[in-house]
């Protein structure tokens, strides 16, 4: 898993049927110094309800499709957001982060 900042969302009017109802996010992976690297941005399926500005965990490869329920066909993805980082764990990484709304 890696840390990234959510920097946007993707709107797709036509996509694979297994992606129906799933949100696509644009992620900027963090550098070793904790800064988002927008030049290395990737698109990932959101499995946890993350929003723009949040610090998230994501995984790549086959493991990315395992974030969804068993029994259904896994969505075709190479990257998935699998967690939202807790600000209490490392407050320095959260400078400028969007506040999380209560759901």
PDB file of N, CA and C in Angstrom:
ATOM      1  N   UNK A   1       0.845  -1.183   0.000  1.00  0.00           N
ATOM      2  CA  UNK A   1       0.000   0.000   0.000  1.00  0.00           C
ATOM      3  C   UNK A   1       0.883   1.237   0.000  1.00  0.00           C
ATOM      4  N   UNK A   2       0.315   2.302  -0.524  1.00  0.00           N
ATOM      5  CA  UNK A   2       0.993   3.585  -0.583  1.00  0.00           C
ATOM      6  C   UNK A   2       0.049   4.672  -0.100  1.00  0.00           C
ATOM      7  N   UNK A   3       0.613   5.819   0.269  1.00  0.00           N
ATOM      8  CA  UNK A   3      -0.187   6.985   0.634  1.00  0.00           C
ATOM      9  C   UNK A   3      -0.281   7.924  -0.557  1.00  0.00           C
ATOM     10  N   UNK A   4      -1.433   8.576  -0.685  1.00  0.00           N
ATOM     11  CA  UNK A   4      -1.634   9.541  -1.761  1.00  0.00           C
ATOM     12  C   UNK A   4      -2.634  10.592  -1.304  1.00  0.00           C
ATOM     13  N   UNK A   5      -2.632  11.719  -1.970  1.00  0.00           N
ATOM     14  CA  UNK A   5      -3.620  12.772  -1.760  1.00  0.00           C
ATOM     15  C   UNK A   5      -4.603  12.693  -2.914  1.00  0.00           C
ATOM     16  N   UNK A   6      -5.905  12.742  -2.625  1.00  0.00           N
ATOM     17  CA  UNK A   6      -6.932  12.767  -3.675  1.00  0.00           C
ATOM     18  C   UNK A   6      -6.965  14.182  -4.230  1.00  0.00           C
ATOM     19  N   UNK A   7      -6.709  14.314  -5.538  1.00  0.00           N
ATOM     20  CA  UNK A   7      -6.652  15.647  -6.144  1.00  0.00           C
ATOM     21  C   UNK A   7      -7.779  15.900  -7.133  1.00  0.00           C
ATOM     22  N   UNK A   8      -8.643  14.914  -7.340  1.00  0.00           N
ATOM     23  CA  UNK A   8      -9.762  15.123  -8.254  1.00  0.00           C
ATOM     24  C   UNK A   8     -10.557  13.856  -8.462  1.00  0.00           C
ATOM     25  N   UNK A   9     -11.564  13.972  -9.299  1.00  0.00           N
ATOM     26  CA  UNK A   9     -12.422  12.832  -9.636  1.00  0.00           C
ATOM     27  C   UNK A   9     -12.555  12.753 -11.148  1.00  0.00           C
ATOM     28  N   UNK A  10     -12.881  11.569 -11.637  1.00  0.00           N
ATOM     29  CA  UNK A  10     -13.054  11.343 -13.070  1.00  0.00           C
ATOM     30  C   UNK A  10     -14.532  11.063 -13.324  1.00  0.00           C
ATOM     31  N   UNK A  11     -15.066  11.678 -14.357  1.00  0.00           N
ATOM     32  CA  UNK A  11     -16.441  11.410 -14.780  1.00  0.00           C
ATOM     33  C   UNK A  11     -16.364  10.641 -16.088  1.00  0.00           C
ATOM     34  N   UNK A  12     -16.950   9.458 -16.109  1.00  0.00           N
ATOM     35  CA  UNK A  12     -16.945   8.623 -17.309  1.00  0.00           C
ATOM     36  C   UNK A  12     -18.382   8.328 -17.707  1.00  0.00           C
ATOM     37  N   UNK A  13     -18.785   8.779 -18.880  1.00  0.00           N
ATOM     38  CA  UNK A  13     -20.156   8.537 -19.329  1.00  0.00           C
ATOM     39  C   UNK A  13     -20.313   7.128 -19.871  1.00  0.00           C
ATOM     40  N   UNK A  14     -19.235   6.535 -20.356  1.00  0.00           N
ATOM     41  CA  UNK A  14     -19.256   5.162 -20.842  1.00  0.00           C
ATOM     42  C   UNK A  14     -18.124   4.421 -20.149  1.00  0.00           C
ATOM     43  N   UNK A  15     -18.468   3.311 -19.471  1.00  0.00           N
ATOM     44  CA  UNK A  15     -17.443   2.505 -18.804  1.00  0.00           C
ATOM     45  C   UNK A  15     -17.913   1.068 -18.700  1.00  0.00           C
ATOM     46  N   UNK A  16     -17.012   0.186 -18.337  1.00  0.00           N
ATOM     47  CA  UNK A  16     -17.311  -1.228 -18.170  1.00  0.00           C
ATOM     48  C   UNK A  16     -18.487  -1.403 -17.211  1.00  0.00           C
ATOM     49  N   UNK A  17     -19.341  -2.352 -17.488  1.00  0.00           N
ATOM     50  CA  UNK A  17     -20.527  -2.579 -16.645  1.00  0.00           C
ATOM     51  C   UNK A  17     -20.155  -2.902 -15.200  1.00  0.00           C
ATOM     52  N   UNK A  18     -19.007  -3.537 -14.969  1.00  0.00           N
ATOM     53  CA  UNK A  18     -18.576  -3.864 -13.604  1.00  0.00           C
ATOM     54  C   UNK A  18     -18.118  -2.631 -12.828  1.00  0.00           C
ATOM     55  N   UNK A  19     -17.988  -1.497 -13.502  1.00  0.00           N
ATOM     56  CA  UNK A  19     -17.616  -0.245 -12.836  1.00  0.00           C
ATOM     57  C   UNK A  19     -18.832   0.620 -12.510  1.00  0.00           C
ATOM     58  N   UNK A  20     -20.025   0.162 -12.874  1.00  0.00           N
ATOM     59  CA  UNK A  20     -21.244   0.934 -12.616  1.00  0.00           C
ATOM     60  C   UNK A  20     -21.384   1.202 -11.118  1.00  0.00           C
ATOM     61  N   UNK A  21     -21.615   2.460 -10.768  1.00  0.00           N
ATOM     62  CA  UNK A  21     -21.814   2.849  -9.383  1.00  0.00           C
ATOM     63  C   UNK A  21     -20.529   3.025  -8.588  1.00  0.00           C
ATOM     64  N   UNK A  22     -19.384   2.856  -9.223  1.00  0.00           N
ATOM     65  CA  UNK A  22     -18.109   3.006  -8.523  1.00  0.00           C
ATOM     66  C   UNK A  22     -17.458   4.337  -8.914  1.00  0.00           C
ATOM     67  N   UNK A  23     -16.889   5.021  -7.918  1.00  0.00           N
ATOM     68  CA  UNK A  23     -16.283   6.335  -8.125  1.00  0.00           C
ATOM     69  C   UNK A  23     -14.820   6.188  -8.524  1.00  0.00           C
ATOM     70  N   UNK A  24     -14.401   6.968  -9.509  1.00  0.00           N
ATOM     71  CA  UNK A  24     -13.008   7.016  -9.944  1.00  0.00           C
ATOM     72  C   UNK A  24     -12.368   8.292  -9.404  1.00  0.00           C
ATOM     73  N   UNK A  25     -11.214   8.150  -8.755  1.00  0.00           N
ATOM     74  CA  UNK A  25     -10.514   9.293  -8.167  1.00  0.00           C
ATOM     75  C   UNK A  25      -9.146   9.465  -8.799  1.00  0.00           C
ATOM     76  N   UNK A  26      -8.678  10.711  -8.832  1.00  0.00           N
ATOM     77  CA  UNK A  26      -7.320  11.015  -9.281  1.00  0.00           C
ATOM     78  C   UNK A  26      -6.462  11.160  -8.030  1.00  0.00           C
ATOM     79  N   UNK A  27      -5.398  10.362  -7.958  1.00  0.00           N
ATOM     80  CA  UNK A  27      -4.520  10.366  -6.792  1.00  0.00           C
ATOM     81  C   UNK A  27      -3.137  10.886  -7.159  1.00  0.00           C
ATOM     82  N   UNK A  28      -2.552  11.658  -6.236  1.00  0.00           N
ATOM     83  CA  UNK A  28      -1.167  12.094  -6.356  1.00  0.00           C
ATOM     84  C   UNK A  28      -0.384  11.384  -5.255  1.00  0.00           C
ATOM     85  N   UNK A  29       0.390  10.340  -5.609  1.00  0.00           N
ATOM     86  CA  UNK A  29       1.157   9.625  -4.586  1.00  0.00           C
ATOM     87  C   UNK A  29       2.089  10.582  -3.839  1.00  0.00           C
ATOM     88  N   UNK A  30       2.323  10.292  -2.550  1.00  0.00           N
ATOM     89  CA  UNK A  30       3.196  11.148  -1.753  1.00  0.00           C
ATOM     90  C   UNK A  30       4.656  10.788  -1.993  1.00  0.00           C
ATOM     91  N   UNK A  31       5.501  11.803  -2.006  1.00  0.00           N
ATOM     92  CA  UNK A  31       6.946  11.604  -2.085  1.00  0.00           C
ATOM     93  C   UNK A  31       7.443  11.196  -0.694  1.00  0.00           C
ATOM     94  N   UNK A  32       8.691  10.767  -0.569  1.00  0.00           N
ATOM     95  CA  UNK A  32       9.214  10.428   0.760  1.00  0.00           C
ATOM     96  C   UNK A  32       9.148  11.588   1.753  1.00  0.00           C
ATOM     97  N   UNK A  33       9.120  12.827   1.251  1.00  0.00           N
ATOM     98  CA  UNK A  33       9.018  13.983   2.145  1.00  0.00           C
ATOM     99  C   UNK A  33       7.572  14.309   2.510  1.00  0.00           C
ATOM    100  N   UNK A  34       6.610  13.550   1.965  1.00  0.00           N
ATOM    101  CA  UNK A  34       5.206  13.742   2.293  1.00  0.00           C
ATOM    102  C   UNK A  34       4.464  14.705   1.392  1.00  0.00           C
ATOM    103  N   UNK A  35       5.086  15.137   0.298  1.00  0.00           N
ATOM    104  CA  UNK A  35       4.440  16.056  -0.639  1.00  0.00           C
ATOM    105  C   UNK A  35       3.767  15.271  -1.767  1.00  0.00           C
ATOM    106  N   UNK A  36       2.565  15.708  -2.214  1.00  0.00           N
ATOM    107  CA  UNK A  36       1.913  15.025  -3.333  1.00  0.00           C
ATOM    108  C   UNK A  36       2.703  15.239  -4.624  1.00  0.00           C
ATOM    109  N   UNK A  37       2.871  14.183  -5.400  1.00  0.00           N
ATOM    110  CA  UNK A  37       3.573  14.249  -6.675  1.00  0.00           C
ATOM    111  C   UNK A  37       2.537  14.170  -7.794  1.00  0.00           C
ATOM    112  N   UNK A  38       2.018  15.327  -8.213  1.00  0.00           N
ATOM    113  CA  UNK A  38       0.962  15.367  -9.229  1.00  0.00           C
ATOM    114  C   UNK A  38       1.449  14.828 -10.574  1.00  0.00           C
ATOM    115  N   UNK A  39       2.756  14.891 -10.829  1.00  0.00           N
ATOM    116  CA  UNK A  39       3.289  14.383 -12.088  1.00  0.00           C
ATOM    117  C   UNK A  39       3.153  12.860 -12.174  1.00  0.00           C
ATOM    118  N   UNK A  40       3.005  12.187 -11.051  1.00  0.00           N
ATOM    119  CA  UNK A  40       2.868  10.723 -11.023  1.00  0.00           C
ATOM    120  C   UNK A  40       1.424  10.318 -10.738  1.00  0.00           C
ATOM    121  N   UNK A  41       0.463  11.174 -11.069  1.00  0.00           N
ATOM    122  CA  UNK A  41      -0.943  10.913 -10.760  1.00  0.00           C
ATOM    123  C   UNK A  41      -1.435   9.616 -11.381  1.00  0.00           C
ATOM    124  N   UNK A  42      -2.359   8.964 -10.665  1.00  0.00           N
ATOM    125  CA  UNK A  42      -2.988   7.747 -11.169  1.00  0.00           C
ATOM    126  C   UNK A  42      -4.492   7.830 -10.924  1.00  0.00           C
ATOM    127  N   UNK A  43      -5.229   7.010 -11.635  1.00  0.00           N
ATOM    128  CA  UNK A  43      -6.671   6.892 -11.451  1.00  0.00           C
ATOM    129  C   UNK A  43      -6.924   5.620 -10.639  1.00  0.00           C
ATOM    130  N   UNK A  44      -7.767   5.716  -9.609  1.00  0.00           N
ATOM    131  CA  UNK A  44      -8.059   4.557  -8.756  1.00  0.00           C
ATOM    132  C   UNK A  44      -9.547   4.488  -8.460  1.00  0.00           C
ATOM    133  N   UNK A  45     -10.057   3.270  -8.326  1.00  0.00           N
ATOM    134  CA  UNK A  45     -11.435   3.075  -7.887  1.00  0.00           C
ATOM    135  C   UNK A  45     -11.514   3.315  -6.390  1.00  0.00           C
ATOM    136  N   UNK A  46     -12.577   3.965  -5.956  1.00  0.00           N
ATOM    137  CA  UNK A  46     -12.761   4.288  -4.542  1.00  0.00           C
ATOM    138  C   UNK A  46     -13.608   3.232  -3.865  1.00  0.00           C
ATOM    139  N   UNK A  47     -13.024   2.524  -2.886  1.00  0.00           N
ATOM    140  CA  UNK A  47     -13.755   1.483  -2.152  1.00  0.00           C
ATOM    141  C   UNK A  47     -14.212   1.956  -0.782  1.00  0.00           C
ATOM    142  N   UNK A  48     -13.874   3.201  -0.394  1.00  0.00           N
ATOM    143  CA  UNK A  48     -14.137   3.635   0.984  1.00  0.00           C
ATOM    144  C   UNK A  48     -14.873   4.975   1.106  1.00  0.00           C
ATOM    145  N   UNK A  49     -15.192   5.639   0.025  1.00  0.00           N
ATOM    146  CA  UNK A  49     -15.914   6.909   0.106  1.00  0.00           C
ATOM    147  C   UNK A  49     -15.028   8.104   0.358  1.00  0.00           C
ATOM    148  N   UNK A  50     -13.830   8.108  -0.179  1.00  0.00           N
ATOM    149  CA  UNK A  50     -12.902   9.229   0.004  1.00  0.00           C
ATOM    150  C   UNK A  50     -13.327  10.418  -0.850  1.00  0.00           C
ATOM    151  N   UNK A  51     -12.837  11.596  -0.473  1.00  0.00           N
ATOM    152  CA  UNK A  51     -13.149  12.812  -1.206  1.00  0.00           C
ATOM    153  C   UNK A  51     -11.899  13.589  -1.550  1.00  0.00           C
ATOM    154  N   UNK A  52     -12.076  14.588  -2.390  1.00  0.00           N
ATOM    155  CA  UNK A  52     -10.958  15.431  -2.828  1.00  0.00           C
ATOM    156  C   UNK A  52     -10.310  16.093  -1.616  1.00  0.00           C
ATOM    157  N   UNK A  53      -8.979  16.072  -1.580  1.00  0.00           N
ATOM    158  CA  UNK A  53      -8.216  16.681  -0.508  1.00  0.00           C
ATOM    159  C   UNK A  53      -7.823  15.715   0.598  1.00  0.00           C
ATOM    160  N   UNK A  54      -8.420  14.529   0.627  1.00  0.00           N
ATOM    161  CA  UNK A  54      -8.124  13.588   1.707  1.00  0.00           C
ATOM    162  C   UNK A  54      -6.846  12.797   1.421  1.00  0.00           C
ATOM    163  N   UNK A  55      -6.214  12.365   2.505  1.00  0.00           N
ATOM    164  CA  UNK A  55      -5.046  11.508   2.437  1.00  0.00           C
ATOM    165  C   UNK A  55      -5.535  10.069   2.532  1.00  0.00           C
ATOM    166  N   UNK A  56      -5.153   9.248   1.544  1.00  0.00           N
ATOM    167  CA  UNK A  56      -5.699   7.898   1.456  1.00  0.00           C
ATOM    168  C   UNK A  56      -4.597   6.861   1.275  1.00  0.00           C
ATOM    169  N   UNK A  57      -4.951   5.610   1.580  1.00  0.00           N
ATOM    170  CA  UNK A  57      -4.117   4.460   1.269  1.00  0.00           C
ATOM    171  C   UNK A  57      -4.651   3.867  -0.026  1.00  0.00           C
ATOM    172  N   UNK A  58      -3.747   3.458  -0.909  1.00  0.00           N
ATOM    173  CA  UNK A  58      -4.194   2.772  -2.113  1.00  0.00           C
ATOM    174  C   UNK A  58      -3.274   1.591  -2.394  1.00  0.00           C
ATOM    175  N   UNK A  59      -3.802   0.638  -3.135  1.00  0.00           N
ATOM    176  CA  UNK A  59      -2.994  -0.501  -3.550  1.00  0.00           C
ATOM    177  C   UNK A  59      -3.132  -0.656  -5.059  1.00  0.00           C
ATOM    178  N   UNK A  60      -2.187  -1.377  -5.621  1.00  0.00           N
ATOM    179  CA  UNK A  60      -2.142  -1.570  -7.070  1.00  0.00           C
ATOM    180  C   UNK A  60      -2.087  -3.056  -7.399  1.00  0.00           C
ATOM    181  N   UNK A  61      -2.332  -3.346  -8.661  1.00  0.00           N
ATOM    182  CA  UNK A  61      -2.231  -4.718  -9.132  1.00  0.00           C
ATOM    183  C   UNK A  61      -3.473  -5.529  -8.806  1.00  0.00           C
ATOM    184  N   UNK A  62      -3.320  -6.846  -8.769  1.00  0.00           N
ATOM    185  CA  UNK A  62      -4.450  -7.740  -8.526  1.00  0.00           C
ATOM    186  C   UNK A  62      -5.130  -7.441  -7.199  1.00  0.00           C
ATOM    187  N   UNK A  63      -4.356  -7.048  -6.194  1.00  0.00           N
ATOM    188  CA  UNK A  63      -4.913  -6.757  -4.877  1.00  0.00           C
ATOM    189  C   UNK A  63      -5.953  -5.637  -4.929  1.00  0.00           C
ATOM    190  N   UNK A  64      -5.842  -4.740  -5.901  1.00  0.00           N
ATOM    191  CA  UNK A  64      -6.791  -3.630  -6.013  1.00  0.00           C
ATOM    192  C   UNK A  64      -8.213  -4.124  -6.234  1.00  0.00           C
ATOM    193  N   UNK A  65      -8.387  -5.208  -6.969  1.00  0.00           N
ATOM    194  CA  UNK A  65      -9.740  -5.711  -7.231  1.00  0.00           C
ATOM    195  C   UNK A  65     -10.305  -6.501  -6.059  1.00  0.00           C
ATOM    196  N   UNK A  66      -9.490  -6.808  -5.052  1.00  0.00           N
ATOM    197  CA  UNK A  66      -9.960  -7.583  -3.904  1.00  0.00           C
ATOM    198  C   UNK A  66     -10.650  -6.727  -2.843  1.00  0.00           C
ATOM    199  N   UNK A  67     -10.736  -5.420  -3.059  1.00  0.00           N
ATOM    200  CA  UNK A  67     -11.346  -4.522  -2.079  1.00  0.00           C
ATOM    201  C   UNK A  67     -12.870  -4.608  -2.077  1.00  0.00           C
ATOM    202  N   UNK A  68     -13.445  -5.300  -3.040  1.00  0.00           N
ATOM    203  CA  UNK A  68     -14.902  -5.406  -3.130  1.00  0.00           C
ATOM    204  C   UNK A  68     -15.380  -6.765  -2.657  1.00  0.00           C
ATOM    205  N   UNK A  69     -16.680  -6.864  -2.416  1.00  0.00           N
ATOM    206  CA  UNK A  69     -17.288  -8.079  -1.865  1.00  0.00           C
ATOM    207  C   UNK A  69     -16.989  -9.314  -2.704  1.00  0.00           C
ATOM    208  N   UNK A  70     -16.826 -10.410  -1.995  1.00  0.00           N
ATOM    209  CA  UNK A  70     -16.634 -11.689  -2.669  1.00  0.00           C
ATOM    210  C   UNK A  70     -17.972 -12.132  -3.266  1.00  0.00           C
ATOM    211  N   UNK A  71     -17.904 -12.965  -4.258  1.00  0.00           N
ATOM    212  CA  UNK A  71     -19.119 -13.483  -4.877  1.00  0.00           C
ATOM    213  C   UNK A  71     -19.475 -12.752  -6.161  1.00  0.00           C
ATOM    214  N   UNK A  72     -19.230 -11.459  -6.191  1.00  0.00           N
ATOM    215  CA  UNK A  72     -19.480 -10.688  -7.411  1.00  0.00           C
ATOM    216  C   UNK A  72     -18.193 -10.682  -8.239  1.00  0.00           C
ATOM    217  N   UNK A  73     -18.316 -10.490  -9.546  1.00  0.00           N
ATOM    218  CA  UNK A  73     -17.087 -10.420 -10.339  1.00  0.00           C
ATOM    219  C   UNK A  73     -16.252  -9.203  -9.896  1.00  0.00           C
ATOM    220  N   UNK A  74     -14.948  -9.376  -9.730  1.00  0.00           N
ATOM    221  CA  UNK A  74     -14.130  -8.234  -9.310  1.00  0.00           C
ATOM    222  C   UNK A  74     -14.099  -7.173 -10.405  1.00  0.00           C
ATOM    223  N   UNK A  75     -14.108  -5.903 -10.023  1.00  0.00           N
ATOM    224  CA  UNK A  75     -14.082  -4.847 -11.041  1.00  0.00           C
ATOM    225  C   UNK A  75     -12.726  -4.821 -11.736  1.00  0.00           C
ATOM    226  N   UNK A  76     -12.717  -4.439 -13.004  1.00  0.00           N
ATOM    227  CA  UNK A  76     -11.450  -4.348 -13.730  1.00  0.00           C
ATOM    228  C   UNK A  76     -10.703  -3.082 -13.291  1.00  0.00           C
ATOM    229  N   UNK A  77      -9.707  -3.245 -12.439  1.00  0.00           N
ATOM    230  CA  UNK A  77      -8.961  -2.088 -11.945  1.00  0.00           C
ATOM    231  C   UNK A  77      -7.517  -2.461 -11.675  1.00  0.00           C
ATOM    232  N   UNK A  78      -6.653  -1.468 -11.766  1.00  0.00           N
ATOM    233  CA  UNK A  78      -5.244  -1.657 -11.438  1.00  0.00           C
ATOM    234  C   UNK A  78      -4.874  -0.910 -10.168  1.00  0.00           C
ATOM    235  N   UNK A  79      -5.793  -0.063  -9.667  1.00  0.00           N
ATOM    236  CA  UNK A  79      -5.521   0.689  -8.439  1.00  0.00           C
ATOM    237  C   UNK A  79      -6.846   0.927  -7.717  1.00  0.00           C
ATOM    238  N   UNK A  80      -6.801   0.851  -6.381  1.00  0.00           N
ATOM    239  CA  UNK A  80      -8.011   1.067  -5.580  1.00  0.00           C
ATOM    240  C   UNK A  80      -7.652   1.780  -4.285  1.00  0.00           C
ATOM    241  N   UNK A  81      -8.506   2.742  -3.899  1.00  0.00           N
ATOM    242  CA  UNK A  81      -8.387   3.396  -2.597  1.00  0.00           C
ATOM    243  C   UNK A  81      -9.012   2.454  -1.582  1.00  0.00           C
ATOM    244  N   UNK A  82      -8.217   2.040  -0.573  1.00  0.00           N
ATOM    245  CA  UNK A  82      -8.689   1.052   0.391  1.00  0.00           C
ATOM    246  C   UNK A  82      -8.750   1.585   1.819  1.00  0.00           C
ATOM    247  N   UNK A  83      -8.355   2.838   2.028  1.00  0.00           N
ATOM    248  CA  UNK A  83      -8.420   3.401   3.367  1.00  0.00           C
ATOM    249  C   UNK A  83      -8.229   4.904   3.358  1.00  0.00           C
ATOM    250  N   UNK A  84      -8.779   5.561   4.379  1.00  0.00           N
ATOM    251  CA  UNK A  84      -8.593   7.002   4.574  1.00  0.00           C
ATOM    252  C   UNK A  84      -7.703   7.160   5.799  1.00  0.00           C
ATOM    253  N   UNK A  85      -6.601   7.883   5.638  1.00  0.00           N
ATOM    254  CA  UNK A  85      -5.625   8.036   6.722  1.00  0.00           C
ATOM    255  C   UNK A  85      -6.190   8.910   7.838  1.00  0.00           C
ATOM    256  N   UNK A  86      -5.842   8.563   9.061  1.00  0.00           N
ATOM    257  CA  UNK A  86      -6.295   9.266  10.259  1.00  0.00           C
ATOM    258  C   UNK A  86      -5.346  10.414  10.584  1.00  0.00           C
ATOM    259  N   UNK A  87      -5.846  11.636  10.701  1.00  0.00           N
ATOM    260  CA  UNK A  87      -4.973  12.776  10.982  1.00  0.00           C
ATOM    261  C   UNK A  87      -4.204  12.638  12.289  1.00  0.00           C
ATOM    262  N   UNK A  88      -4.730  11.909  13.262  1.00  0.00           N
ATOM    263  CA  UNK A  88      -4.059  11.779  14.551  1.00  0.00           C
ATOM    264  C   UNK A  88      -2.764  10.977  14.434  1.00  0.00           C
ATOM    265  N   UNK A  89      -2.657  10.130  13.411  1.00  0.00           N
ATOM    266  CA  UNK A  89      -1.476   9.289  13.248  1.00  0.00           C
ATOM    267  C   UNK A  89      -0.243  10.102  12.866  1.00  0.00           C
ATOM    268  N   UNK A  90      -0.408  11.114  12.025  1.00  0.00           N
ATOM    269  CA  UNK A  90       0.711  11.949  11.598  1.00  0.00           C
ATOM    270  C   UNK A  90       0.186  13.301  11.150  1.00  0.00           C
ATOM    271  N   UNK A  91      -0.017  14.232  12.083  1.00  0.00           N
ATOM    272  CA  UNK A  91      -0.635  15.520  11.748  1.00  0.00           C
ATOM    273  C   UNK A  91       0.139  16.313  10.707  1.00  0.00           C
ATOM    274  N   UNK A  92       1.443  16.113  10.594  1.00  0.00           N
ATOM    275  CA  UNK A  92       2.232  16.870   9.624  1.00  0.00           C
ATOM    276  C   UNK A  92       1.841  16.605   8.190  1.00  0.00           C
ATOM    277  N   UNK A  93       1.307  15.428   7.894  1.00  0.00           N
ATOM    278  CA  UNK A  93       0.900  15.097   6.531  1.00  0.00           C
ATOM    279  C   UNK A  93      -0.445  15.697   6.162  1.00  0.00           C
ATOM    280  N   UNK A  94      -1.141  16.275   7.130  1.00  0.00           N
ATOM    281  CA  UNK A  94      -2.500  16.741   6.889  1.00  0.00           C
ATOM    282  C   UNK A  94      -2.607  18.244   6.690  1.00  0.00           C
ATOM    283  N   UNK A  95      -1.501  18.934   6.574  1.00  0.00           N
ATOM    284  CA  UNK A  95      -1.550  20.375   6.331  1.00  0.00           C
ATOM    285  C   UNK A  95      -2.250  20.628   5.002  1.00  0.00           C
ATOM    286  N   UNK A  96      -3.262  21.441   5.016  1.00  0.00           N
ATOM    287  CA  UNK A  96      -3.993  21.782   3.800  1.00  0.00           C
ATOM    288  C   UNK A  96      -5.023  20.760   3.380  1.00  0.00           C
ATOM    289  N   UNK A  97      -5.260  19.733   4.177  1.00  0.00           N
ATOM    290  CA  UNK A  97      -6.245  18.717   3.822  1.00  0.00           C
ATOM    291  C   UNK A  97      -7.653  19.254   4.013  1.00  0.00           C
ATOM    292  N   UNK A  98      -8.549  18.802   3.164  1.00  0.00           N
ATOM    293  CA  UNK A  98      -9.950  19.182   3.284  1.00  0.00           C
ATOM    294  C   UNK A  98     -10.534  18.512   4.518  1.00  0.00           C
ATOM    295  N   UNK A  99     -11.359  19.210   5.286  1.00  0.00           N
ATOM    296  CA  UNK A  99     -11.968  18.572   6.458  1.00  0.00           C
ATOM    297  C   UNK A  99     -12.931  17.480   6.042  1.00  0.00           C
ATOM    298  N   UNK A 100     -12.966  16.404   6.784  1.00  0.00           N
ATOM    299  CA  UNK A 100     -13.828  15.261   6.493  1.00  0.00           C
ATOM    300  C   UNK A 100     -15.205  15.521   7.064  1.00  0.00           C
ATOM    301  N   UNK A 101     -16.219  15.398   6.231  1.00  0.00           N
ATOM    302  CA  UNK A 101     -17.584  15.594   6.715  1.00  0.00           C
ATOM    303  C   UNK A 101     -18.057  14.327   7.401  1.00  0.00           C
ATOM    304  N   UNK A 102     -18.950  14.474   8.357  1.00  0.00           N
ATOM    305  CA  UNK A 102     -19.511  13.307   9.048  1.00  0.00           C
ATOM    306  C   UNK A 102     -20.580  12.681   8.172  1.00  0.00           C
ATOM    307  N   UNK A 103     -20.527  11.354   8.059  1.00  0.00           N
ATOM    308  CA  UNK A 103     -21.512  10.645   7.218  1.00  0.00           C
ATOM    309  C   UNK A 103     -22.331   9.724   8.038  1.00  0.00           C
TER     310      UNK A 103
END
